[in-house]
PDB file of N, CA and C in Angstrom:
ATOM      1  N   CYS A   1     120.761  74.789  19.040  1.00  0.00           N
ATOM      2  CA  CYS A   1     119.385  74.362  18.974  1.00  0.00           C
ATOM      3  C   CYS A   1     119.255  72.939  19.534  1.00  0.00           C
ATOM      4  N   ALA A   2     120.161  72.090  19.129  1.00  0.00           N
ATOM      5  CA  ALA A   2     120.114  70.702  19.595  1.00  0.00           C
ATOM      6  C   ALA A   2     120.309  70.622  21.105  1.00  0.00           C
ATOM      7  N   ASN A   3     121.173  71.453  21.654  1.00  0.00           N
ATOM      8  CA  ASN A   3     121.383  71.439  23.108  1.00  0.00           C
ATOM      9  C   ASN A   3     120.102  71.787  23.854  1.00  0.00           C
ATOM     10  N   ALA A   4     119.366  72.754  23.350  1.00  0.00           N
ATOM     11  CA  ALA A   4     118.114  73.143  23.997  1.00  0.00           C
ATOM     12  C   ALA A   4     117.131  71.977  24.005  1.00  0.00           C
ATOM     13  N   VAL A   5     117.088  71.229  22.913  1.00  0.00           N
ATOM     14  CA  VAL A   5     116.183  70.084  22.822  1.00  0.00           C
ATOM     15  C   VAL A   5     116.630  68.956  23.744  1.00  0.00           C
ATOM     16  N   VAL A   6     117.921  68.664  23.753  1.00  0.00           N
ATOM     17  CA  VAL A   6     118.446  67.565  24.575  1.00  0.00           C
ATOM     18  C   VAL A   6     118.123  67.780  26.046  1.00  0.00           C
ATOM     19  N   PHE A   7     118.302  68.991  26.537  1.00  0.00           N
ATOM     20  CA  PHE A   7     118.105  69.271  27.957  1.00  0.00           C
ATOM     21  C   PHE A   7     116.668  69.673  28.308  1.00  0.00           C
ATOM     22  N   ALA A   8     115.777  69.733  27.327  1.00  0.00           N
ATOM     23  CA  ALA A   8     114.427  70.259  27.548  1.00  0.00           C
ATOM     24  C   ALA A   8     113.653  69.531  28.637  1.00  0.00           C
ATOM     25  N   ASP A   9     113.858  68.228  28.777  1.00  0.00           N
ATOM     26  CA  ASP A   9     113.112  67.490  29.805  1.00  0.00           C
ATOM     27  C   ASP A   9     113.840  67.446  31.146  1.00  0.00           C
ATOM     28  N   GLY A  10     114.955  68.181  31.242  1.00  0.00           N
ATOM     29  CA  GLY A  10     115.686  68.258  32.501  1.00  0.00           C
ATOM     30  C   GLY A  10     116.689  67.144  32.736  1.00  0.00           C
ATOM     31  N   THR A  11     116.930  66.319  31.702  1.00  0.00           N
ATOM     32  CA  THR A  11     117.913  65.242  31.825  1.00  0.00           C
ATOM     33  C   THR A  11     119.076  65.500  30.873  1.00  0.00           C
ATOM     34  N   LEU A  12     120.079  64.621  30.930  1.00  0.00           N
ATOM     35  CA  LEU A  12     121.234  64.756  30.037  1.00  0.00           C
ATOM     36  C   LEU A  12     120.945  64.290  28.616  1.00  0.00           C
ATOM     37  N   GLY A  13     119.805  63.671  28.382  1.00  0.00           N
ATOM     38  CA  GLY A  13     119.453  63.230  27.038  1.00  0.00           C
ATOM     39  C   GLY A  13     118.668  61.936  27.030  1.00  0.00           C
ATOM     40  N   PRO A  14     118.587  61.277  25.868  1.00  0.00           N
ATOM     41  CA  PRO A  14     117.828  60.032  25.743  1.00  0.00           C
ATOM     42  C   PRO A  14     118.627  58.815  26.224  1.00  0.00           C
ATOM     43  N   GLY A  15     117.968  57.673  26.235  1.00  0.00           N
ATOM     44  CA  GLY A  15     118.642  56.427  26.614  1.00  0.00           C
ATOM     45  C   GLY A  15     119.087  56.437  28.064  1.00  0.00           C
ATOM     46  N   GLU A  16     120.289  55.937  28.303  1.00  0.00           N
ATOM     47  CA  GLU A  16     120.839  55.899  29.666  1.00  0.00           C
ATOM     48  C   GLU A  16     120.966  57.298  30.270  1.00  0.00           C
ATOM     49  N   LEU A  17     121.165  58.289  29.422  1.00  0.00           N
ATOM     50  CA  LEU A  17     121.339  59.655  29.920  1.00  0.00           C
ATOM     51  C   LEU A  17     120.073  60.211  30.571  1.00  0.00           C
ATOM     52  N   LYS A  18     118.918  59.632  30.242  1.00  0.00           N
ATOM     53  CA  LYS A  18     117.672  60.148  30.828  1.00  0.00           C
ATOM     54  C   LYS A  18     117.566  59.875  32.325  1.00  0.00           C
ATOM     55  N   HIS A  19     118.439  59.025  32.834  1.00  0.00           N
ATOM     56  CA  HIS A  19     118.434  58.717  34.267  1.00  0.00           C
ATOM     57  C   HIS A  19     119.271  59.708  35.081  1.00  0.00           C
ATOM     58  N   HIS A  20     119.898  60.658  34.394  1.00  0.00           N
ATOM     59  CA  HIS A  20     120.773  61.625  35.063  1.00  0.00           C
ATOM     60  C   HIS A  20     120.250  63.038  34.815  1.00  0.00           C
ATOM     61  N   PRO A  21     120.136  63.833  35.860  1.00  0.00           N
ATOM     62  CA  PRO A  21     119.641  65.201  35.668  1.00  0.00           C
ATOM     63  C   PRO A  21     120.613  66.043  34.847  1.00  0.00           C
ATOM     64  N   GLY A  22     120.046  66.880  34.017  1.00  0.00           N
ATOM     65  CA  GLY A  22     120.859  67.801  33.230  1.00  0.00           C
ATOM     66  C   GLY A  22     121.170  69.049  34.024  1.00  0.00           C
ATOM     67  N   PRO A  23     122.029  69.895  33.487  1.00  0.00           N
ATOM     68  CA  PRO A  23     122.345  71.150  34.170  1.00  0.00           C
ATOM     69  C   PRO A  23     121.087  72.013  34.307  1.00  0.00           C
ATOM     70  N   VAL A  24     120.896  72.573  35.467  1.00  0.00           N
ATOM     71  CA  VAL A  24     119.729  73.422  35.707  1.00  0.00           C
ATOM     72  C   VAL A  24     119.773  74.618  34.761  1.00  0.00           C
ATOM     73  N   GLY A  25     118.692  74.825  34.026  1.00  0.00           N
ATOM     74  CA  GLY A  25     118.589  75.962  33.120  1.00  0.00           C
ATOM     75  C   GLY A  25     119.321  75.807  31.803  1.00  0.00           C
ATOM     76  N   ALA A  26     119.857  74.636  31.503  1.00  0.00           N
ATOM     77  CA  ALA A  26     120.648  74.449  30.278  1.00  0.00           C
ATOM     78  C   ALA A  26     119.831  74.700  29.017  1.00  0.00           C
ATOM     79  N   SER A  27     118.608  74.226  28.990  1.00  0.00           N
ATOM     80  CA  SER A  27     117.759  74.425  27.819  1.00  0.00           C
ATOM     81  C   SER A  27     117.476  75.911  27.607  1.00  0.00           C
ATOM     82  N   GLU A  28     117.163  76.595  28.688  1.00  0.00           N
ATOM     83  CA  GLU A  28     116.850  78.021  28.600  1.00  0.00           C
ATOM     84  C   GLU A  28     118.060  78.838  28.168  1.00  0.00           C
ATOM     85  N   VAL A  29     119.225  78.512  28.717  1.00  0.00           N
ATOM     86  CA  VAL A  29     120.448  79.238  28.355  1.00  0.00           C
ATOM     87  C   VAL A  29     120.787  78.998  26.889  1.00  0.00           C
ATOM     88  N   SER A  30     120.587  77.782  26.413  1.00  0.00           N
ATOM     89  CA  SER A  30     120.843  77.474  25.002  1.00  0.00           C
ATOM     90  C   SER A  30     119.925  78.294  24.099  1.00  0.00           C
ATOM     91  N   ALA A  31     118.656  78.364  24.455  1.00  0.00           N
ATOM     92  CA  ALA A  31     117.711  79.149  23.661  1.00  0.00           C
ATOM     93  C   ALA A  31     118.076  80.631  23.690  1.00  0.00           C
ATOM     94  N   PHE A  32     118.455  81.141  24.853  1.00  0.00           N
ATOM     95  CA  PHE A  32     118.865  82.541  24.972  1.00  0.00           C
ATOM     96  C   PHE A  32     120.084  82.817  24.094  1.00  0.00           C
ATOM     97  N   ALA A  33     121.067  81.925  24.136  1.00  0.00           N
ATOM     98  CA  ALA A  33     122.280  82.107  23.330  1.00  0.00           C
ATOM     99  C   ALA A  33     121.951  82.120  21.844  1.00  0.00           C
ATOM    100  N   MET A  34     121.032  81.264  21.412  1.00  0.00           N
ATOM    101  CA  MET A  34     120.636  81.252  19.999  1.00  0.00           C
ATOM    102  C   MET A  34     120.010  82.583  19.606  1.00  0.00           C
ATOM    103  N   ASN A  35     119.212  83.158  20.501  1.00  0.00           N
ATOM    104  CA  ASN A  35     118.595  84.449  20.205  1.00  0.00           C
ATOM    105  C   ASN A  35     119.626  85.565  20.133  1.00  0.00           C
ATOM    106  N   ILE A  36     120.624  85.545  20.988  1.00  0.00           N
ATOM    107  CA  ILE A  36     121.680  86.560  20.950  1.00  0.00           C
ATOM    108  C   ILE A  36     122.456  86.465  19.638  1.00  0.00           C
ATOM    109  N   VAL A  37     122.771  85.257  19.210  1.00  0.00           N
ATOM    110  CA  VAL A  37     123.461  85.063  17.927  1.00  0.00           C
ATOM    111  C   VAL A  37     122.590  85.596  16.789  1.00  0.00           C
ATOM    112  N   ALA A  38     121.291  85.289  16.829  1.00  0.00           N
ATOM    113  CA  ALA A  38     120.378  85.759  15.787  1.00  0.00           C
ATOM    114  C   ALA A  38     120.318  87.284  15.757  1.00  0.00           C
ATOM    115  N   LEU A  39     120.270  87.921  16.926  1.00  0.00           N
ATOM    116  CA  LEU A  39     120.257  89.387  16.968  1.00  0.00           C
ATOM    117  C   LEU A  39     121.529  89.964  16.367  1.00  0.00           C
ATOM    118  N   GLY A  40     122.657  89.332  16.631  1.00  0.00           N
ATOM    119  CA  GLY A  40     123.927  89.791  16.071  1.00  0.00           C
ATOM    120  C   GLY A  40     123.956  89.719  14.558  1.00  0.00           C
ATOM    121  N   LYS A  41     123.278  88.749  13.995  1.00  0.00           N
ATOM    122  CA  LYS A  41     123.239  88.594  12.536  1.00  0.00           C
ATOM    123  C   LYS A  41     122.304  89.612  11.888  1.00  0.00           C
ATOM    124  N   HIS A  42     121.456  90.245  12.693  1.00  0.00           N
ATOM    125  CA  HIS A  42     120.505  91.235  12.181  1.00  0.00           C
ATOM    126  C   HIS A  42     120.708  92.576  12.885  1.00  0.00           C
ATOM    127  N   ALA A  43     121.950  92.932  13.154  1.00  0.00           N
ATOM    128  CA  ALA A  43     122.259  94.145  13.916  1.00  0.00           C
ATOM    129  C   ALA A  43     121.744  95.410  13.243  1.00  0.00           C
ATOM    130  N   ASP A  44     121.645  95.415  11.920  1.00  0.00           N
ATOM    131  CA  ASP A  44     121.185  96.601  11.203  1.00  0.00           C
ATOM    132  C   ASP A  44     119.698  96.881  11.432  1.00  0.00           C
ATOM    133  N   MET A  45     118.953  95.897  11.884  1.00  0.00           N
ATOM    134  CA  MET A  45     117.524  96.086  12.149  1.00  0.00           C
ATOM    135  C   MET A  45     117.149  95.467  13.493  1.00  0.00           C
ATOM    136  N   ILE A  46     117.967  95.771  14.502  1.00  0.00           N
ATOM    137  CA  ILE A  46     117.851  95.106  15.802  1.00  0.00           C
ATOM    138  C   ILE A  46     116.501  95.340  16.480  1.00  0.00           C
ATOM    139  N   GLU A  47     115.929  96.530  16.380  1.00  0.00           N
ATOM    140  CA  GLU A  47     114.644  96.782  17.042  1.00  0.00           C
ATOM    141  C   GLU A  47     113.531  95.949  16.425  1.00  0.00           C
ATOM    142  N   LYS A  48     113.459  95.948  15.110  1.00  0.00           N
ATOM    143  CA  LYS A  48     112.425  95.183  14.414  1.00  0.00           C
ATOM    144  C   LYS A  48     112.617  93.685  14.648  1.00  0.00           C
ATOM    145  N   TYR A  49     113.841  93.215  14.542  1.00  0.00           N
ATOM    146  CA  TYR A  49     114.105  91.794  14.718  1.00  0.00           C
ATOM    147  C   TYR A  49     113.909  91.377  16.171  1.00  0.00           C
ATOM    148  N   GLY A  50     114.276  92.252  17.100  1.00  0.00           N
ATOM    149  CA  GLY A  50     114.060  91.969  18.516  1.00  0.00           C
ATOM    150  C   GLY A  50     112.587  91.783  18.822  1.00  0.00           C
ATOM    151  N   GLN A  51     111.745  92.620  18.230  1.00  0.00           N
ATOM    152  CA  GLN A  51     110.298  92.482  18.427  1.00  0.00           C
ATOM    153  C   GLN A  51     109.806  91.164  17.845  1.00  0.00           C
ATOM    154  N   ARG A  52     110.370  90.765  16.726  1.00  0.00           N
ATOM    155  CA  ARG A  52     109.975  89.486  16.121  1.00  0.00           C
ATOM    156  C   ARG A  52     110.338  88.319  17.047  1.00  0.00           C
ATOM    157  N   LEU A  53     111.520  88.378  17.672  1.00  0.00           N
ATOM    158  CA  LEU A  53     111.904  87.327  18.617  1.00  0.00           C
ATOM    159  C   LEU A  53     110.948  87.279  19.807  1.00  0.00           C
ATOM    160  N   ILE A  54     110.531  88.451  20.276  1.00  0.00           N
ATOM    161  CA  ILE A  54     109.572  88.503  21.384  1.00  0.00           C
ATOM    162  C   ILE A  54     108.245  87.889  20.955  1.00  0.00           C
ATOM    163  N   ASP A  55     107.780  88.239  19.754  1.00  0.00           N
ATOM    164  CA  ASP A  55     106.523  87.682  19.255  1.00  0.00           C
ATOM    165  C   ASP A  55     106.597  86.160  19.141  1.00  0.00           C
ATOM    166  N   ARG A  56     107.736  85.666  18.685  1.00  0.00           N
ATOM    167  CA  ARG A  56     107.913  84.214  18.572  1.00  0.00           C
ATOM    168  C   ARG A  56     107.899  83.562  19.951  1.00  0.00           C
ATOM    169  N   ALA A  57     108.569  84.192  20.910  1.00  0.00           N
ATOM    170  CA  ALA A  57     108.613  83.643  22.270  1.00  0.00           C
ATOM    171  C   ALA A  57     107.220  83.597  22.889  1.00  0.00           C
ATOM    172  N   VAL A  58     106.439  84.645  22.683  1.00  0.00           N
ATOM    173  CA  VAL A  58     105.075  84.679  23.216  1.00  0.00           C
ATOM    174  C   VAL A  58     104.234  83.584  22.567  1.00  0.00           C
ATOM    175  N   ASP A  59     104.392  83.397  21.258  1.00  0.00           N
ATOM    176  CA  ASP A  59     103.657  82.348  20.559  1.00  0.00           C
ATOM    177  C   ASP A  59     104.003  80.972  21.127  1.00  0.00           C
ATOM    178  N   ILE A  60     105.284  80.723  21.374  1.00  0.00           N
ATOM    179  CA  ILE A  60     105.717  79.445  21.943  1.00  0.00           C
ATOM    180  C   ILE A  60     105.155  79.274  23.351  1.00  0.00           C
ATOM    181  N   ALA A  61     105.207  80.336  24.146  1.00  0.00           N
ATOM    182  CA  ALA A  61     104.687  80.268  25.516  1.00  0.00           C
ATOM    183  C   ALA A  61     103.196  79.957  25.539  1.00  0.00           C
ATOM    184  N   ARG A  62     102.505  80.360  24.489  1.00  0.00           N
ATOM    185  CA  ARG A  62     101.062  80.096  24.396  1.00  0.00           C
ATOM    186  C   ARG A  62     100.762  78.748  23.744  1.00  0.00           C
ATOM    187  N   GLY A  63     101.806  77.966  23.480  1.00  0.00           N
ATOM    188  CA  GLY A  63     101.607  76.633  22.916  1.00  0.00           C
ATOM    189  C   GLY A  63     101.787  76.551  21.419  1.00  0.00           C
ATOM    190  N   GLY A  64     102.188  77.645  20.783  1.00  0.00           N
ATOM    191  CA  GLY A  64     102.390  77.647  19.339  1.00  0.00           C
ATOM    192  C   GLY A  64     103.755  77.114  18.953  1.00  0.00           C
ATOM    193  N   SER A  65     104.050  77.198  17.664  1.00  0.00           N
ATOM    194  CA  SER A  65     105.312  76.681  17.134  1.00  0.00           C
ATOM    195  C   SER A  65     106.409  77.737  17.089  1.00  0.00           C
ATOM    196  N   GLY A  66     106.047  78.996  17.307  1.00  0.00           N
ATOM    197  CA  GLY A  66     107.027  80.069  17.212  1.00  0.00           C
ATOM    198  C   GLY A  66     107.144  80.639  15.812  1.00  0.00           C
ATOM    199  N   ARG A  67     106.370  80.108  14.913  1.00  0.00           N
ATOM    200  CA  ARG A  67     106.392  80.610  13.532  1.00  0.00           C
ATOM    201  C   ARG A  67     105.302  81.657  13.384  1.00  0.00           C
ATOM    202  N   VAL A  68     105.713  82.898  13.453  1.00  0.00           N
ATOM    203  CA  VAL A  68     104.759  83.996  13.318  1.00  0.00           C
ATOM    204  C   VAL A  68     104.944  84.628  11.952  1.00  0.00           C
ATOM    205  N   ALA A  69     103.860  85.096  11.390  1.00  0.00           N
ATOM    206  CA  ALA A  69     103.919  85.755  10.090  1.00  0.00           C
ATOM    207  C   ALA A  69     104.699  87.051  10.211  1.00  0.00           C
ATOM    208  N   ALA A  70     105.426  87.407   9.160  1.00  0.00           N
ATOM    209  CA  ALA A  70     106.216  88.640   9.174  1.00  0.00           C
ATOM    210  C   ALA A  70     105.322  89.844   9.421  1.00  0.00           C
ATOM    211  N   ALA A  71     104.119  89.832   8.871  1.00  0.00           N
ATOM    212  CA  ALA A  71     103.194  90.946   9.068  1.00  0.00           C
ATOM    213  C   ALA A  71     102.795  91.077  10.531  1.00  0.00           C
ATOM    214  N   ALA A  72     102.688  89.969  11.228  1.00  0.00           N
ATOM    215  CA  ALA A  72     102.316  90.015  12.642  1.00  0.00           C
ATOM    216  C   ALA A  72     103.421  90.624  13.481  1.00  0.00           C
ATOM    217  N   ALA A  73     104.654  90.569  12.983  1.00  0.00           N
ATOM    218  CA  ALA A  73     105.787  91.105  13.724  1.00  0.00           C
ATOM    219  C   ALA A  73     105.917  92.612  13.556  1.00  0.00           C
ATOM    220  N   GLU A  74     105.208  93.184  12.584  1.00  0.00           N
ATOM    221  CA  GLU A  74     105.264  94.618  12.355  1.00  0.00           C
ATOM    222  C   GLU A  74     104.492  95.346  13.448  1.00  0.00           C
ATOM    223  N   PRO A  75     105.058  96.441  13.973  1.00  0.00           N
ATOM    224  CA  PRO A  75     104.339  97.197  15.006  1.00  0.00           C
ATOM    225  C   PRO A  75     103.037  97.777  14.453  1.00  0.00           C
ATOM    226  N   GLN A  76     101.999  97.734  15.248  1.00  0.00           N
ATOM    227  CA  GLN A  76     100.706  98.271  14.852  1.00  0.00           C
ATOM    228  C   GLN A  76     100.589  99.713  15.316  1.00  0.00           C
ATOM    229  N   GLU A  77     100.053 100.569  14.459  1.00  0.00           N
ATOM    230  CA  GLU A  77      99.836 101.958  14.844  1.00  0.00           C
ATOM    231  C   GLU A  77      98.502 102.065  15.565  1.00  0.00           C
ATOM    232  N   GLY A  78      98.445 103.017  16.492  1.00  0.00           N
ATOM    233  CA  GLY A  78      97.146 103.240  17.105  1.00  0.00           C
ATOM    234  C   GLY A  78      97.117 103.261  18.533  1.00  0.00           C
TER     235      GLY A  78
END
């Protein structure tokens, strides 16, 4: 999680490190790796948990915090 934050602005970090570019895609790869680890911890309910991760990602992409209600993660019938 910390790696994703450190590289989020495209640099190696704060202070003197902000003058040096970070690895391309480092923040995204860190976030992806965290999601894979999370899926592994919930392997018994991978479909439901996978949908929750997607819902969180969409919320973040829309400017939210990624904190979605559990009820919102449930598939809707209809």
